[in-house]
Amino acid sequence: MDLKSSHPYWPIKNGLVATYPPLENDEECDVLVLGGGITGAIFADRLTKEGFDVVVVDRRDIGHGSTSASTAMLQYEIDTHLIDLLDMIGPEQAERAYRLSVDSLATLAQLAAECPLDCGFTKKRSVYAASTEADVESLRREALARQRIGIEAEFVAGPEVRERYALPHPAAIVSAEAATADPYLFAHGLLKQAVRRGARVYDRTEATKFDPAFLGRHEIETDRGPKIRADDIVFATGYESQQYTGEKVCRFKSTYALVTQPLASVAPWNEHHLFWESARPYLYFRTTDDRRLVAGGADLDFRSALKRDALIERQTAHVFNGIKELFPQLAPEIEYAWAGTFAETKDGLAYIGRPAALPHAYFALGFGGNGITYSTIAADIVADQLKGRPNTDAEIFRFGR
């Protein structure tokens, strides 16, 4: 699957960060990680810390899949409200899912602090705005539900929303736990650390065939000829992984994003906050360290990459008009625009672990609006499963639920 259009912002901004070779000889390892984006990088970092011998393979250049198209708004907030998730999966699992998402931000902050590249990790506050008056009461209840489990979530309503955040919305939940980053540099930095611990990384190499019912080591064939033998496989290929799971777990969507030229000032907006709203699909935006606006939304059902990309100009115009309606005085200009593919699940939660159809492989499918935070949760769960350690959180994100 073509995951994004051809000109997302991050690879252009950063240029050639690192060069990895294609696979030219047979390899052997403990764990093969399929996918060299931010999810695969988080896994490579974690598993090499655990002492595993790791090989990472990507059919594209490293970081040029979904990672290059990510807006990297790092939030604990799941697209499904906590008050709705309580009814869908029960209080214990719903509350734990939200707490895990909060904890994952602390993990990402630590990973960024250790990262040998400056990935622009910046702590921010999240402003989740009520799109209409009809959404105000549900946001009020949502803020209370989060507060009851110890999450710092302030409910703000009325004129105070405009006074504090320069927004016309009737209410908002303001959360202290949020961040932004450069996902492309983050992935390259984590892989650099993994390589220092002995990992081997190969790009422009596609895994083409493997036996899902193996009795010993996996033997994975590649499009270049050499084979990889591995005790275990981790699928960190995101939306392209569903073809292997034997279970339909998501529906695909197209999303559209843009980056403006640098602004002299982002006032009246506060650059220490990021924004999203209760409408579905929702407008979302953040700022960069050089005062650009990164914005996205205008989601549509995914039909094909060609149809998705043909709508870039129209759909990013919708996103841009949403920004201009909020902040007409900013007068930004679009410098980069692109489209990407993402997936939604029935409960807004990721799918992590071993599906019944592939008992000897592990999946990290961070679907929804917060895939990077889900990737850190997945790395914890899968590392425990590979080590034979118990992890009760795996039940929340299991296949077959």
Protein backbone atom coordinates (compact mmCIF):
# COMPACT_ATOMS: atom_id res chain seq x y z
CA MET A 1 0.00 0.00 0.00
CA ASP A 2 1.15 3.54 -0.80
CA LEU A 3 0.92 5.17 2.63
CA LYS A 4 1.47 8.81 1.71
CA SER A 5 1.87 11.21 -1.17
CA SER A 6 5.33 12.14 -2.39
CA HIS A 7 6.20 15.42 -0.64
CA PRO A 8 5.70 15.34 3.14
CA TYR A 9 7.57 17.88 5.22
CA TRP A 10 9.98 16.01 7.49
CA PRO A 11 12.35 14.35 4.96
CA ILE A 12 12.56 17.62 3.03
CA LYS A 13 13.34 19.57 6.20
CA ASN A 14 16.02 17.17 7.40
CA GLY A 15 17.60 15.94 4.18
CA LEU A 16 19.64 12.74 4.17
CA VAL A 17 20.10 11.91 7.87
CA ALA A 18 21.64 8.45 7.51
CA THR A 19 22.35 5.89 4.82
CA TYR A 20 21.49 2.23 5.25
CA PRO A 21 22.38 -0.52 2.77
CA PRO A 22 20.01 -2.96 1.14
CA LEU A 23 20.32 -6.59 2.22
CA GLU A 24 22.99 -8.31 0.13
CA ASN A 25 23.78 -11.41 2.22
CA ASP A 26 21.81 -13.87 4.33
CA GLU A 27 21.18 -12.74 7.90
CA GLU A 28 20.36 -14.43 11.19
CA CYS A 29 18.94 -12.79 14.31
CA ASP A 30 16.77 -13.27 17.36
CA VAL A 31 14.11 -10.79 16.23
CA LEU A 32 13.38 -9.42 12.77
CA VAL A 33 11.59 -6.05 12.88
CA LEU A 34 9.69 -5.38 9.67
CA GLY A 35 9.37 -1.61 9.27
CA GLY A 36 11.91 1.16 9.69
CA GLY A 37 9.64 4.01 10.73
CA ILE A 38 9.16 5.39 14.22
CA THR A 39 7.43 2.20 15.44
CA GLY A 40 10.17 -0.06 14.16
CA ALA A 41 12.78 2.29 15.62
CA ILE A 42 11.13 2.24 19.05
CA PHE A 43 11.14 -1.57 18.91
CA ALA A 44 14.74 -1.78 17.75
CA ASP A 45 15.81 0.49 20.59
CA ARG A 46 13.82 -1.40 23.22
CA LEU A 47 14.71 -4.91 22.09
CA THR A 48 18.43 -4.22 21.81
CA LYS A 49 18.28 -2.81 25.35
CA GLU A 50 16.75 -6.16 26.35
CA GLY A 51 19.71 -7.96 24.82
CA PHE A 52 18.07 -9.28 21.65
CA ASP A 53 20.01 -9.54 18.41
CA VAL A 54 17.87 -7.44 16.04
CA VAL A 55 17.62 -6.91 12.30
CA VAL A 56 15.40 -4.14 10.88
CA VAL A 57 14.18 -4.24 7.28
CA ASP A 58 12.11 -1.70 5.33
CA ARG A 59 11.09 -1.82 1.70
CA ARG A 60 11.44 1.97 1.45
CA ASP A 61 14.16 4.30 2.62
CA ILE A 62 14.17 4.44 6.40
CA GLY A 63 11.46 6.72 7.78
CA HIS A 64 9.78 7.29 4.41
CA GLY A 65 6.50 5.52 5.12
CA SER A 66 3.82 6.81 7.48
CA THR A 67 6.47 8.38 9.71
CA SER A 68 7.33 10.96 7.08
CA ALA A 69 3.66 11.96 6.86
CA SER A 70 3.00 12.13 10.61
CA THR A 71 2.21 15.46 12.26
CA ALA A 72 3.67 13.97 15.48
CA MET A 73 1.16 15.42 17.91
CA LEU A 74 1.97 13.20 20.88
CA GLN A 75 -1.07 12.83 23.10
CA TYR A 76 -2.45 10.42 25.67
CA GLU A 77 -5.95 11.17 24.42
CA ILE A 78 -7.55 8.29 22.57
CA ASP A 79 -9.96 9.16 19.75
CA THR A 80 -12.65 7.33 21.73
CA HIS A 81 -13.66 9.29 24.84
CA LEU A 82 -12.98 7.63 28.17
CA ILE A 83 -16.68 7.90 29.06
CA ASP A 84 -17.52 5.89 25.92
CA LEU A 85 -14.67 3.42 26.35
CA LEU A 86 -15.92 2.62 29.85
CA ASP A 87 -19.09 1.18 28.33
CA MET A 88 -17.31 -0.52 25.45
CA ILE A 89 -14.64 -2.50 27.30
CA GLY A 90 -15.38 -1.98 31.00
CA PRO A 91 -13.96 0.40 33.61
CA GLU A 92 -10.81 -1.52 34.48
CA GLN A 93 -9.48 -1.82 30.94
CA ALA A 94 -10.71 1.60 29.79
CA GLU A 95 -9.07 3.42 32.67
CA ARG A 96 -5.90 1.39 32.29
CA ALA A 97 -5.74 2.20 28.55
CA TYR A 98 -5.84 5.91 29.33
CA ARG A 99 -3.28 5.62 32.12
CA LEU A 100 -0.94 3.64 29.84
CA SER A 101 -1.25 6.39 27.24
CA VAL A 102 -0.30 9.02 29.83
CA ASP A 103 2.68 6.94 30.96
CA SER A 104 3.81 6.49 27.35
CA LEU A 105 4.44 10.24 27.07
CA ALA A 106 6.93 10.00 29.93
CA THR A 107 8.59 7.09 28.11
CA LEU A 108 8.82 9.13 24.91
CA ALA A 109 10.32 12.05 26.83
CA GLN A 110 13.00 9.71 28.20
CA LEU A 111 13.68 8.25 24.75
CA ALA A 112 14.04 11.77 23.34
CA ALA A 113 16.44 12.73 26.13
CA GLU A 114 18.60 9.70 25.27
CA CYS A 115 18.34 10.22 21.50
CA PRO A 116 21.66 11.12 19.84
CA LEU A 117 19.81 13.40 17.39
CA ASP A 118 17.86 16.50 18.39
CA CYS A 119 14.37 15.31 17.49
CA GLY A 120 12.67 18.50 18.65
CA PHE A 121 10.74 16.84 21.46
CA THR A 122 8.83 19.62 23.21
CA LYS A 123 6.32 19.31 26.03
CA LYS A 124 3.05 21.07 25.33
CA ARG A 125 -0.51 21.27 26.59
CA SER A 126 -3.41 19.82 24.63
CA VAL A 127 -6.52 21.90 23.98
CA TYR A 128 -9.43 19.66 23.00
CA ALA A 129 -12.23 21.99 21.94
CA ALA A 130 -15.99 21.43 21.77
CA SER A 131 -16.92 22.04 18.15
CA THR A 132 -20.53 22.91 19.01
CA GLU A 133 -22.68 23.71 22.04
CA ALA A 134 -24.09 20.18 21.79
CA ASP A 135 -20.64 18.79 22.66
CA VAL A 136 -20.12 20.86 25.81
CA GLU A 137 -21.80 18.52 28.28
CA SER A 138 -19.98 15.43 26.99
CA LEU A 139 -16.66 17.25 27.35
CA ARG A 140 -17.59 18.24 30.89
CA ARG A 141 -18.30 14.61 31.78
CA GLU A 142 -15.16 13.50 29.97
CA ALA A 143 -12.98 15.89 31.98
CA LEU A 144 -14.50 14.58 35.23
CA ALA A 145 -13.91 10.96 34.20
CA ARG A 146 -10.26 11.69 33.49
CA GLN A 147 -9.83 13.59 36.75
CA ARG A 148 -11.27 10.64 38.70
CA ILE A 149 -8.40 8.41 37.54
CA GLY A 150 -5.74 10.99 38.31
CA ILE A 151 -5.27 12.60 34.89
CA GLU A 152 -4.78 16.36 34.94
CA ALA A 153 -7.62 17.56 32.70
CA GLU A 154 -9.11 21.02 33.20
CA PHE A 155 -12.57 21.85 31.85
CA VAL A 156 -12.77 25.43 30.55
CA ALA A 157 -16.00 26.98 29.26
CA GLY A 158 -17.53 30.21 28.05
CA PRO A 159 -15.57 33.42 27.43
CA GLU A 160 -12.57 31.96 29.26
CA VAL A 161 -11.83 29.75 26.22
CA ARG A 162 -11.33 32.83 24.05
CA GLU A 163 -9.48 34.77 26.75
CA ARG A 164 -6.97 31.99 27.40
CA TYR A 165 -6.64 30.27 24.04
CA ALA A 166 -7.96 32.77 21.46
CA LEU A 167 -10.54 30.22 20.32
CA PRO A 168 -14.24 30.77 19.55
CA HIS A 169 -15.30 27.37 20.88
CA PRO A 170 -17.84 27.11 23.73
CA ALA A 171 -15.68 24.78 25.88
CA ALA A 172 -12.46 22.81 25.96
CA ILE A 173 -10.54 20.21 27.93
CA VAL A 174 -6.98 21.34 28.59
CA SER A 175 -4.52 18.57 29.41
CA ALA A 176 -1.03 19.00 30.80
CA GLU A 177 0.30 15.84 29.14
CA ALA A 178 1.15 16.36 25.47
CA ALA A 179 4.20 16.92 23.30
CA THR A 180 5.43 17.39 19.75
CA ALA A 181 8.49 16.07 17.93
CA ASP A 182 10.14 15.58 14.57
CA PRO A 183 9.20 11.91 13.96
CA TYR A 184 11.69 11.44 11.13
CA LEU A 185 14.70 12.51 13.21
CA PHE A 186 13.33 10.62 16.22
CA ALA A 187 13.23 7.38 14.22
CA HIS A 188 16.73 7.88 12.83
CA GLY A 189 18.11 8.70 16.27
CA LEU A 190 16.63 5.61 17.90
CA LEU A 191 17.91 3.41 15.09
CA LYS A 192 21.36 4.94 15.47
CA GLN A 193 21.36 3.85 19.12
CA ALA A 194 20.13 0.38 18.22
CA VAL A 195 22.94 0.01 15.67
CA ARG A 196 25.47 0.93 18.35
CA ARG A 197 24.14 -2.05 20.33
CA GLY A 198 24.57 -4.38 17.38
CA ALA A 199 21.36 -4.08 15.37
CA ARG A 200 21.60 -4.25 11.58
CA VAL A 201 19.34 -2.01 9.53
CA TYR A 202 18.56 -2.56 5.84
CA ASP A 203 16.32 -0.43 3.69
CA ARG A 204 15.07 -0.80 0.11
CA THR A 205 14.61 -4.49 0.95
CA GLU A 206 11.18 -6.09 0.96
CA ALA A 207 10.26 -9.23 2.87
CA THR A 208 8.27 -11.18 0.31
CA LYS A 209 7.52 -14.58 1.81
CA PHE A 210 7.63 -16.47 5.07
CA ASP A 211 6.00 -19.55 6.54
CA PRO A 212 3.48 -18.56 9.24
CA ALA A 213 3.32 -22.11 10.59
CA PHE A 214 7.05 -22.57 11.07
CA LEU A 215 8.34 -25.19 13.50
CA GLY A 216 11.81 -23.73 14.04
CA ARG A 217 13.27 -20.45 12.94
CA HIS A 218 11.41 -18.19 10.54
CA GLU A 219 13.01 -18.13 7.11
CA ILE A 220 12.03 -14.93 5.36
CA GLU A 221 12.63 -14.48 1.66
CA THR A 222 13.37 -11.00 0.30
CA ASP A 223 13.00 -9.39 -3.09
CA ARG A 224 16.79 -9.10 -3.33
CA GLY A 225 17.45 -12.82 -2.95
CA PRO A 226 19.16 -13.14 0.46
CA LYS A 227 17.13 -14.73 3.27
CA ILE A 228 16.73 -13.76 6.91
CA ARG A 229 16.43 -16.41 9.61
CA ALA A 230 14.86 -15.20 12.85
CA ASP A 231 13.37 -16.73 15.96
CA ASP A 232 10.60 -14.13 16.02
CA ILE A 233 9.16 -11.44 13.77
CA VAL A 234 7.72 -8.08 14.85
CA PHE A 235 5.45 -6.44 12.28
CA ALA A 236 5.92 -2.69 12.66
CA THR A 237 4.61 -1.91 9.19
CA GLY A 238 1.41 -0.25 10.41
CA TYR A 239 -1.48 -0.32 8.01
CA GLU A 240 0.28 -2.65 5.61
CA SER A 241 0.28 -5.38 8.27
CA GLN A 242 -3.42 -6.21 8.23
CA GLN A 243 -2.96 -8.55 5.25
CA TYR A 244 -1.04 -10.94 7.53
CA THR A 245 -3.21 -10.97 10.65
CA GLY A 246 -6.10 -13.06 9.34
CA GLU A 247 -8.48 -10.62 11.01
CA LYS A 248 -10.07 -7.41 9.77
CA VAL A 249 -9.34 -4.99 12.60
CA CYS A 250 -9.62 -1.55 11.04
CA ARG A 251 -11.00 0.66 8.30
CA PHE A 252 -8.69 2.84 6.28
CA LYS A 253 -8.97 6.62 6.01
CA SER A 254 -7.18 9.30 4.03
CA THR A 255 -5.98 12.36 5.91
CA TYR A 256 -4.55 15.63 4.63
CA ALA A 257 -1.86 17.80 6.17
CA LEU A 258 0.04 20.99 5.52
CA VAL A 259 2.90 23.06 6.85
CA THR A 260 2.92 26.84 6.54
CA GLN A 261 5.85 29.13 5.95
CA PRO A 262 7.49 30.38 9.16
CA LEU A 263 5.49 33.12 10.87
CA ALA A 264 6.93 36.13 12.68
CA SER A 265 4.54 35.25 15.49
CA VAL A 266 1.76 32.73 16.05
CA ALA A 267 -0.14 35.14 18.31
CA PRO A 268 -2.91 35.11 19.38
CA TRP A 269 -2.44 31.35 19.51
CA ASN A 270 -0.13 30.03 22.20
CA GLU A 271 2.71 28.05 20.64
CA HIS A 272 3.01 25.96 23.83
CA HIS A 273 -0.31 24.28 23.08
CA LEU A 274 -1.63 21.93 20.42
CA PHE A 275 -5.24 21.83 19.24
CA TRP A 276 -7.86 19.33 18.17
CA GLU A 277 -11.63 19.31 18.36
CA SER A 278 -14.67 17.14 19.04
CA ALA A 279 -16.04 17.16 15.46
CA ARG A 280 -15.39 14.02 13.42
CA PRO A 281 -13.33 14.33 11.30
CA TYR A 282 -11.51 16.93 13.33
CA LEU A 283 -9.15 19.78 12.56
CA TYR A 284 -5.85 19.55 14.42
CA PHE A 285 -2.75 21.70 14.50
CA ARG A 286 0.51 22.40 16.30
CA THR A 287 3.50 24.70 15.89
CA THR A 288 7.12 23.90 15.09
CA ASP A 289 10.21 25.34 16.73
CA ASP A 290 10.56 27.82 13.85
CA ARG A 291 6.94 29.01 14.19
CA ARG A 292 5.38 27.12 11.35
CA LEU A 293 1.86 25.77 11.72
CA VAL A 294 1.46 22.04 11.08
CA ALA A 295 -2.21 21.25 10.53
CA GLY A 296 -4.29 18.35 9.33
CA GLY A 297 -7.76 16.88 8.97
CA ALA A 298 -10.43 16.76 6.25
CA ASP A 299 -10.35 12.96 6.48
CA LEU A 300 -12.09 10.79 3.87
CA ASP A 301 -12.63 7.08 3.42
CA PHE A 302 -9.59 5.58 1.68
CA ARG A 303 -10.26 4.17 -1.79
CA SER A 304 -6.91 4.26 -3.55
CA ALA A 305 -3.65 6.20 -3.38
CA LEU A 306 -4.40 7.81 -6.74
CA LYS A 307 -7.83 9.06 -5.66
CA ARG A 308 -6.45 10.18 -2.30
CA ASP A 309 -3.62 12.18 -3.86
CA ALA A 310 -5.86 13.72 -6.51
CA LEU A 311 -7.72 15.46 -3.67
CA ILE A 312 -4.69 16.95 -1.90
CA GLU A 313 -5.28 20.49 -3.16
CA ARG A 314 -8.99 20.45 -2.36
CA GLN A 315 -8.75 18.80 1.06
CA THR A 316 -5.76 20.79 2.31
CA ALA A 317 -7.69 23.91 1.30
CA HIS A 318 -10.40 22.79 3.75
CA VAL A 319 -7.76 22.40 6.46
CA PHE A 320 -6.22 25.77 5.62
CA ASN A 321 -9.60 27.51 5.65
CA GLY A 322 -10.25 26.07 9.11
CA ILE A 323 -7.02 27.67 10.36
CA LYS A 324 -7.85 31.01 8.71
CA GLU A 325 -11.31 31.04 10.28
CA LEU A 326 -9.77 30.60 13.72
CA PHE A 327 -6.90 33.04 13.25
CA PRO A 328 -7.57 35.43 10.33
CA GLN A 329 -4.85 37.80 11.51
CA LEU A 330 -2.06 35.22 11.04
CA ALA A 331 -2.29 35.20 7.22
CA PRO A 332 -0.06 32.11 6.81
CA GLU A 333 0.94 30.64 3.45
CA ILE A 334 1.12 26.93 2.70
CA GLU A 335 4.63 25.71 1.94
CA TYR A 336 4.14 21.93 1.99
CA ALA A 337 1.01 19.79 1.65
CA TRP A 338 0.54 16.05 1.52
CA ALA A 339 -1.85 13.16 2.10
CA GLY A 340 -1.48 10.05 4.20
CA THR A 341 -3.36 6.90 5.08
CA PHE A 342 -4.35 5.95 8.60
CA ALA A 343 -6.74 3.46 10.14
CA GLU A 344 -9.53 3.51 12.69
CA THR A 345 -10.57 0.66 14.96
CA LYS A 346 -13.98 0.08 16.51
CA ASP A 347 -12.82 1.19 19.96
CA GLY A 348 -9.97 3.55 19.05
CA LEU A 349 -7.41 1.17 20.58
CA ALA A 350 -4.33 -0.36 19.01
CA TYR A 351 -3.92 -4.04 18.19
CA ILE A 352 -0.81 -5.44 19.84
CA GLY A 353 0.57 -8.95 20.26
CA ARG A 354 0.01 -12.30 18.58
CA PRO A 355 -3.09 -12.93 16.44
CA ALA A 356 -4.54 -16.44 16.41
CA ALA A 357 -3.65 -16.87 12.74
CA LEU A 358 0.03 -16.12 13.38
CA PRO A 359 0.96 -17.41 16.81
CA HIS A 360 4.70 -17.03 16.23
CA ALA A 361 4.69 -13.38 15.12
CA TYR A 362 4.02 -10.13 16.96
CA PHE A 363 2.19 -7.06 15.72
CA ALA A 364 2.29 -3.41 16.75
CA LEU A 365 -0.67 -1.83 14.98
CA GLY A 366 -0.89 1.65 16.50
CA PHE A 367 -4.07 2.60 14.71
CA GLY A 368 -5.96 5.80 15.46
CA GLY A 369 -4.79 9.33 16.10
CA ASN A 370 -1.99 8.53 18.54
CA GLY A 371 0.07 5.83 16.88
CA ILE A 372 3.43 6.89 18.32
CA THR A 373 2.21 6.66 21.93
CA TYR A 374 0.71 3.26 21.13
CA SER A 375 4.10 2.17 19.76
CA THR A 376 5.73 2.70 23.16
CA ILE A 377 2.98 0.66 24.83
CA ALA A 378 3.44 -2.05 22.20
CA ALA A 379 7.19 -2.20 22.79
CA ASP A 380 6.60 -2.85 26.50
CA ILE A 381 4.02 -5.56 25.87
CA VAL A 382 5.92 -7.38 23.12
CA ALA A 383 9.25 -7.19 24.96
CA ASP A 384 7.60 -8.91 27.92
CA GLN A 385 6.03 -11.55 25.67
CA LEU A 386 9.35 -12.25 23.96
CA LYS A 387 11.05 -12.57 27.35
CA GLY A 388 8.27 -14.79 28.72
CA ARG A 389 7.30 -12.23 31.34
CA PRO A 390 3.63 -11.73 32.29
CA ASN A 391 1.95 -8.56 31.02
CA THR A 392 -1.71 -8.11 31.90
CA ASP A 393 -2.00 -5.03 29.66
CA ALA A 394 -1.78 -7.27 26.59
CA GLU A 395 -5.42 -8.25 27.12
CA ILE A 396 -6.61 -4.67 26.44
CA PHE A 397 -5.08 -4.60 22.97
CA ARG A 398 -5.42 -8.28 22.01
CA PHE A 399 -6.54 -9.58 18.64
CA GLY A 400 -9.97 -11.21 18.58
CA ARG A 401 -11.51 -8.77 21.05
